[in-house]
């Protein structure tokens, strides 16, 4: 169920305590990787827009934290590094917040930042 929070801070404040540190860290990594992005709440989750398009989003779901990369080519290009994780067409799901690999997340964010815009 999408959050009704209107700000990212409110979204993070409402997150389960055991996920809060990982979500705060994920936000910081998104801000660092996309310094020119505009933070917003879209579709009930924190999002990062560049050139008017959502490029990155994340969400605290019931069973995992999801990182959405709106450029599916980034997922494809990093398939080997994502082995063992739950991966969709445009998202990576982390079941255990304490074991999130922020080195890998930084790579995915950088690859997304540097990749050409995805076709509509």
N, C-alpha and C. Protein backbone atom coordinates (compact mmCIF):
# COMPACT_ATOMS: atom_id res chain seq x y z
N UNK A 1 0.84 -1.17 0.00
CA UNK A 1 0.00 0.00 0.00
C UNK A 1 0.89 1.24 0.00
N UNK A 2 0.66 2.17 -0.94
CA UNK A 2 1.47 3.39 -0.98
C UNK A 2 1.28 4.22 0.28
N UNK A 3 2.32 4.91 0.65
CA UNK A 3 2.28 5.79 1.81
C UNK A 3 1.46 7.03 1.50
N UNK A 4 0.85 7.57 2.53
CA UNK A 4 0.11 8.83 2.40
C UNK A 4 0.97 10.02 2.83
N UNK A 5 2.23 9.74 3.16
CA UNK A 5 3.15 10.81 3.58
C UNK A 5 3.30 11.82 2.43
N UNK A 6 3.40 13.08 2.80
CA UNK A 6 3.55 14.11 1.78
C UNK A 6 5.00 14.57 1.62
N UNK A 7 5.85 14.19 2.58
CA UNK A 7 7.26 14.52 2.47
C UNK A 7 8.09 13.27 2.73
N UNK A 8 9.31 13.29 2.24
CA UNK A 8 10.19 12.14 2.45
C UNK A 8 10.51 12.00 3.93
N UNK A 9 10.69 13.09 4.62
CA UNK A 9 10.94 13.02 6.07
C UNK A 9 9.79 12.34 6.79
N UNK A 10 8.55 12.69 6.44
CA UNK A 10 7.39 12.04 7.06
C UNK A 10 7.36 10.55 6.71
N UNK A 11 7.69 10.23 5.47
CA UNK A 11 7.73 8.83 5.04
C UNK A 11 8.73 8.05 5.90
N UNK A 12 9.91 8.60 6.06
CA UNK A 12 10.95 7.92 6.85
C UNK A 12 10.55 7.83 8.32
N UNK A 13 9.94 8.87 8.84
CA UNK A 13 9.50 8.84 10.24
C UNK A 13 8.47 7.74 10.50
N UNK A 14 7.67 7.42 9.48
CA UNK A 14 6.63 6.39 9.63
C UNK A 14 7.14 4.98 9.37
N UNK A 15 8.37 4.85 8.91
CA UNK A 15 8.93 3.53 8.60
C UNK A 15 9.18 2.73 9.88
N UNK A 16 9.12 1.41 9.77
CA UNK A 16 9.44 0.59 10.94
C UNK A 16 10.84 0.90 11.47
N UNK A 17 10.97 0.89 12.78
CA UNK A 17 12.24 1.26 13.43
C UNK A 17 13.41 0.44 12.92
N UNK A 18 13.20 -0.83 12.66
CA UNK A 18 14.30 -1.70 12.21
C UNK A 18 14.75 -1.40 10.78
N UNK A 19 14.02 -0.57 10.07
CA UNK A 19 14.39 -0.20 8.69
C UNK A 19 14.86 1.24 8.58
N UNK A 20 14.64 2.01 9.59
CA UNK A 20 14.87 3.45 9.52
C UNK A 20 16.31 3.79 9.15
N UNK A 21 17.29 3.15 9.77
CA UNK A 21 18.70 3.47 9.48
C UNK A 21 19.03 3.16 8.03
N UNK A 22 18.57 2.03 7.52
CA UNK A 22 18.85 1.67 6.13
C UNK A 22 18.17 2.63 5.17
N UNK A 23 16.94 3.04 5.48
CA UNK A 23 16.23 3.98 4.61
C UNK A 23 16.90 5.36 4.64
N UNK A 24 17.33 5.80 5.81
CA UNK A 24 18.05 7.08 5.91
C UNK A 24 19.34 7.03 5.09
N UNK A 25 20.04 5.90 5.19
CA UNK A 25 21.28 5.74 4.44
C UNK A 25 21.00 5.69 2.94
N UNK A 26 19.94 5.00 2.55
CA UNK A 26 19.58 4.94 1.13
C UNK A 26 19.26 6.33 0.60
N UNK A 27 18.54 7.11 1.36
CA UNK A 27 18.24 8.49 0.96
C UNK A 27 19.53 9.28 0.76
N UNK A 28 20.46 9.17 1.71
CA UNK A 28 21.73 9.90 1.62
C UNK A 28 22.51 9.48 0.37
N UNK A 29 22.50 8.20 0.06
CA UNK A 29 23.22 7.73 -1.13
C UNK A 29 22.55 8.25 -2.41
N UNK A 30 21.23 8.28 -2.43
CA UNK A 30 20.52 8.83 -3.60
C UNK A 30 20.84 10.31 -3.77
N UNK A 31 20.84 11.05 -2.67
CA UNK A 31 21.15 12.49 -2.74
C UNK A 31 22.58 12.71 -3.24
N UNK A 32 23.52 11.89 -2.78
CA UNK A 32 24.92 12.05 -3.20
C UNK A 32 25.11 11.68 -4.66
N UNK A 33 24.45 10.62 -5.11
CA UNK A 33 24.63 10.16 -6.49
C UNK A 33 23.92 11.05 -7.50
N UNK A 34 22.84 11.69 -7.06
CA UNK A 34 22.04 12.52 -7.96
C UNK A 34 21.87 13.92 -7.36
N UNK A 35 22.97 14.66 -7.23
CA UNK A 35 22.88 15.97 -6.55
C UNK A 35 22.00 16.98 -7.27
N UNK A 36 21.78 16.79 -8.56
CA UNK A 36 20.93 17.72 -9.31
C UNK A 36 19.48 17.26 -9.38
N UNK A 37 19.16 16.15 -8.74
CA UNK A 37 17.79 15.63 -8.78
C UNK A 37 16.90 16.38 -7.79
N UNK A 38 15.63 16.37 -8.08
CA UNK A 38 14.63 16.96 -7.20
C UNK A 38 13.98 15.82 -6.43
N UNK A 39 14.05 15.91 -5.10
CA UNK A 39 13.39 14.91 -4.25
C UNK A 39 11.89 15.21 -4.22
N UNK A 40 11.10 14.15 -4.31
CA UNK A 40 9.66 14.32 -4.23
C UNK A 40 9.02 13.02 -3.77
N UNK A 41 7.76 13.09 -3.43
CA UNK A 41 6.98 11.90 -3.13
C UNK A 41 6.11 11.63 -4.34
N UNK A 42 6.31 10.50 -4.96
CA UNK A 42 5.54 10.11 -6.13
C UNK A 42 5.06 8.67 -5.94
N UNK A 43 3.80 8.44 -6.23
CA UNK A 43 3.24 7.10 -6.11
C UNK A 43 3.45 6.54 -4.70
N UNK A 44 3.45 7.42 -3.70
CA UNK A 44 3.57 7.01 -2.31
C UNK A 44 4.96 6.59 -1.88
N UNK A 45 5.99 7.01 -2.64
CA UNK A 45 7.36 6.65 -2.25
C UNK A 45 8.33 7.77 -2.59
N UNK A 46 9.46 7.82 -1.86
CA UNK A 46 10.48 8.82 -2.16
C UNK A 46 11.03 8.61 -3.57
N UNK A 47 11.13 9.72 -4.30
CA UNK A 47 11.57 9.66 -5.69
C UNK A 47 12.57 10.77 -5.98
N UNK A 48 13.34 10.56 -7.02
CA UNK A 48 14.35 11.53 -7.46
C UNK A 48 14.13 11.78 -8.93
N UNK A 49 13.81 13.05 -9.25
CA UNK A 49 13.49 13.45 -10.62
C UNK A 49 14.64 14.25 -11.23
N UNK A 50 14.92 13.92 -12.47
CA UNK A 50 15.84 14.72 -13.28
C UNK A 50 15.18 14.93 -14.62
N UNK A 51 15.30 16.13 -15.13
CA UNK A 51 14.69 16.47 -16.42
C UNK A 51 13.21 16.13 -16.45
N UNK A 52 12.54 16.33 -15.31
CA UNK A 52 11.10 16.11 -15.24
C UNK A 52 10.67 14.65 -15.13
N UNK A 53 11.60 13.72 -15.13
CA UNK A 53 11.27 12.30 -15.09
C UNK A 53 11.77 11.67 -13.79
N UNK A 54 11.00 10.75 -13.24
CA UNK A 54 11.48 9.99 -12.08
C UNK A 54 12.59 9.08 -12.57
N UNK A 55 13.73 9.16 -11.91
CA UNK A 55 14.87 8.32 -12.28
C UNK A 55 15.10 7.22 -11.26
N UNK A 56 14.94 7.55 -9.99
CA UNK A 56 15.16 6.60 -8.89
C UNK A 56 14.02 6.77 -7.90
N UNK A 57 13.62 5.67 -7.29
CA UNK A 57 12.65 5.72 -6.19
C UNK A 57 12.98 4.57 -5.24
N UNK A 58 12.49 4.67 -4.03
CA UNK A 58 12.64 3.55 -3.11
C UNK A 58 11.41 3.46 -2.23
N UNK A 59 11.22 2.28 -1.67
CA UNK A 59 10.04 2.06 -0.84
C UNK A 59 10.30 1.00 0.22
N UNK A 60 9.69 1.19 1.36
CA UNK A 60 9.71 0.19 2.42
C UNK A 60 8.43 -0.63 2.25
N UNK A 61 8.56 -1.81 1.71
CA UNK A 61 7.42 -2.70 1.50
C UNK A 61 7.30 -3.64 2.70
N UNK A 62 6.28 -4.44 2.73
CA UNK A 62 6.04 -5.33 3.87
C UNK A 62 7.20 -6.29 4.11
N UNK A 63 7.75 -6.88 3.05
CA UNK A 63 8.77 -7.91 3.19
C UNK A 63 10.18 -7.45 2.82
N UNK A 64 10.32 -6.23 2.29
CA UNK A 64 11.63 -5.80 1.79
C UNK A 64 11.67 -4.29 1.57
N UNK A 65 12.88 -3.81 1.34
CA UNK A 65 13.09 -2.45 0.85
C UNK A 65 13.37 -2.57 -0.63
N UNK A 66 12.66 -1.81 -1.44
CA UNK A 66 12.83 -1.87 -2.89
C UNK A 66 13.51 -0.60 -3.38
N UNK A 67 14.45 -0.79 -4.29
CA UNK A 67 15.10 0.32 -4.99
C UNK A 67 14.65 0.22 -6.44
N UNK A 68 13.99 1.27 -6.93
CA UNK A 68 13.47 1.29 -8.30
C UNK A 68 14.41 2.12 -9.17
N UNK A 69 14.87 1.51 -10.23
CA UNK A 69 15.76 2.15 -11.21
C UNK A 69 14.98 2.24 -12.51
N UNK A 70 14.62 3.43 -12.92
CA UNK A 70 13.73 3.60 -14.05
C UNK A 70 14.41 3.40 -15.41
N UNK A 71 15.65 2.99 -15.36
CA UNK A 71 16.39 2.66 -16.58
C UNK A 71 16.72 1.16 -16.51
N UNK A 72 15.84 0.31 -17.05
CA UNK A 72 16.02 -1.14 -16.93
C UNK A 72 17.37 -1.65 -17.43
N UNK A 73 18.01 -0.92 -18.31
CA UNK A 73 19.32 -1.33 -18.82
C UNK A 73 20.35 -1.41 -17.68
N UNK A 74 20.15 -0.63 -16.63
CA UNK A 74 21.06 -0.66 -15.48
C UNK A 74 20.97 -2.02 -14.79
N UNK A 75 19.77 -2.54 -14.66
CA UNK A 75 19.58 -3.87 -14.06
C UNK A 75 20.26 -4.92 -14.93
N UNK A 76 20.04 -4.85 -16.22
CA UNK A 76 20.62 -5.82 -17.15
C UNK A 76 22.14 -5.77 -17.11
N UNK A 77 22.71 -4.58 -17.10
CA UNK A 77 24.16 -4.43 -17.11
C UNK A 77 24.82 -4.93 -15.82
N UNK A 78 24.07 -4.98 -14.74
CA UNK A 78 24.61 -5.39 -13.45
C UNK A 78 24.07 -6.74 -12.99
N UNK A 79 23.60 -7.53 -13.92
CA UNK A 79 22.96 -8.81 -13.60
C UNK A 79 23.85 -9.70 -12.73
N UNK A 80 25.12 -9.81 -13.06
CA UNK A 80 26.02 -10.68 -12.29
C UNK A 80 26.17 -10.18 -10.85
N UNK A 81 26.28 -8.88 -10.66
CA UNK A 81 26.45 -8.31 -9.32
C UNK A 81 25.18 -8.45 -8.49
N UNK A 82 24.04 -8.59 -9.15
CA UNK A 82 22.76 -8.68 -8.46
C UNK A 82 22.36 -10.12 -8.14
N UNK A 83 23.20 -11.06 -8.53
CA UNK A 83 22.90 -12.47 -8.30
C UNK A 83 22.67 -12.71 -6.80
N UNK A 84 21.61 -13.44 -6.51
CA UNK A 84 21.27 -13.74 -5.13
C UNK A 84 20.27 -12.77 -4.53
N UNK A 85 20.01 -11.66 -5.21
CA UNK A 85 19.00 -10.70 -4.76
C UNK A 85 17.71 -10.92 -5.55
N UNK A 86 16.63 -10.48 -5.00
CA UNK A 86 15.36 -10.50 -5.71
C UNK A 86 15.33 -9.28 -6.63
N UNK A 87 15.24 -9.56 -7.93
CA UNK A 87 15.34 -8.49 -8.93
C UNK A 87 14.16 -8.57 -9.88
N UNK A 88 13.57 -7.43 -10.16
CA UNK A 88 12.51 -7.32 -11.15
C UNK A 88 13.03 -6.57 -12.36
N UNK A 89 12.14 -6.24 -13.27
CA UNK A 89 12.54 -5.53 -14.49
C UNK A 89 13.24 -4.21 -14.18
N UNK A 90 12.74 -3.51 -13.16
CA UNK A 90 13.31 -2.21 -12.82
C UNK A 90 13.50 -2.01 -11.33
N UNK A 91 13.58 -3.10 -10.57
CA UNK A 91 13.77 -2.92 -9.13
C UNK A 91 14.64 -4.02 -8.54
N UNK A 92 15.24 -3.66 -7.42
CA UNK A 92 16.04 -4.59 -6.63
C UNK A 92 15.42 -4.58 -5.24
N UNK A 93 15.16 -5.79 -4.72
CA UNK A 93 14.51 -5.92 -3.42
C UNK A 93 15.50 -6.45 -2.40
N UNK A 94 15.58 -5.76 -1.29
CA UNK A 94 16.49 -6.13 -0.21
C UNK A 94 15.65 -6.61 0.98
N UNK A 95 15.69 -7.92 1.24
CA UNK A 95 14.87 -8.50 2.30
C UNK A 95 15.41 -8.16 3.69
N UNK A 96 16.70 -7.98 3.81
CA UNK A 96 17.31 -7.71 5.12
C UNK A 96 18.01 -6.35 5.07
N UNK A 97 17.42 -5.34 5.70
CA UNK A 97 18.02 -4.00 5.66
C UNK A 97 19.46 -3.95 6.18
N UNK A 98 19.77 -4.82 7.13
CA UNK A 98 21.11 -4.81 7.72
C UNK A 98 22.17 -5.35 6.76
N UNK A 99 21.74 -6.02 5.70
CA UNK A 99 22.69 -6.61 4.76
C UNK A 99 22.66 -5.90 3.40
N UNK A 100 22.10 -4.70 3.36
CA UNK A 100 22.09 -3.96 2.09
C UNK A 100 23.52 -3.59 1.73
N UNK A 101 23.89 -3.86 0.49
CA UNK A 101 25.23 -3.59 -0.01
C UNK A 101 25.25 -2.19 -0.63
N UNK A 102 25.68 -1.21 0.17
CA UNK A 102 25.65 0.17 -0.32
C UNK A 102 26.73 0.45 -1.36
N UNK A 103 27.75 -0.37 -1.42
CA UNK A 103 28.70 -0.26 -2.53
C UNK A 103 28.02 -0.60 -3.85
N UNK A 104 27.25 -1.68 -3.84
CA UNK A 104 26.48 -2.07 -5.03
C UNK A 104 25.43 -1.01 -5.34
N UNK A 105 24.75 -0.52 -4.33
CA UNK A 105 23.73 0.51 -4.54
C UNK A 105 24.36 1.75 -5.16
N UNK A 106 25.53 2.17 -4.68
CA UNK A 106 26.22 3.32 -5.28
C UNK A 106 26.51 3.09 -6.75
N UNK A 107 26.93 1.87 -7.09
CA UNK A 107 27.21 1.53 -8.50
C UNK A 107 25.93 1.63 -9.33
N UNK A 108 24.83 1.08 -8.82
CA UNK A 108 23.55 1.15 -9.55
C UNK A 108 23.10 2.59 -9.73
N UNK A 109 23.23 3.39 -8.68
CA UNK A 109 22.83 4.80 -8.77
C UNK A 109 23.69 5.56 -9.77
N UNK A 110 25.00 5.32 -9.74
CA UNK A 110 25.91 5.98 -10.69
C UNK A 110 25.61 5.55 -12.12
N UNK A 111 25.38 4.26 -12.31
CA UNK A 111 25.07 3.76 -13.65
C UNK A 111 23.77 4.38 -14.16
N UNK A 112 22.79 4.52 -13.27
CA UNK A 112 21.51 5.13 -13.66
C UNK A 112 21.73 6.60 -14.01
N UNK A 113 22.49 7.29 -13.19
CA UNK A 113 22.77 8.71 -13.44
C UNK A 113 23.44 8.92 -14.79
N UNK A 114 24.36 8.01 -15.13
CA UNK A 114 25.17 8.19 -16.33
C UNK A 114 24.56 7.58 -17.59
N UNK A 115 23.54 6.73 -17.43
CA UNK A 115 22.92 6.08 -18.59
C UNK A 115 22.02 7.06 -19.33
N UNK A 116 21.89 6.84 -20.65
CA UNK A 116 20.95 7.69 -21.39
C UNK A 116 19.52 7.48 -20.89
N UNK A 117 18.69 8.46 -21.11
CA UNK A 117 17.29 8.38 -20.68
C UNK A 117 16.64 7.16 -21.31
N UNK A 118 15.80 6.50 -20.53
CA UNK A 118 15.07 5.32 -21.04
C UNK A 118 13.99 5.79 -21.99
N UNK A 119 13.75 5.03 -23.06
CA UNK A 119 12.68 5.42 -23.99
C UNK A 119 11.33 5.29 -23.31
N UNK A 120 10.43 6.16 -23.66
CA UNK A 120 9.07 6.12 -23.07
C UNK A 120 8.24 5.03 -23.68
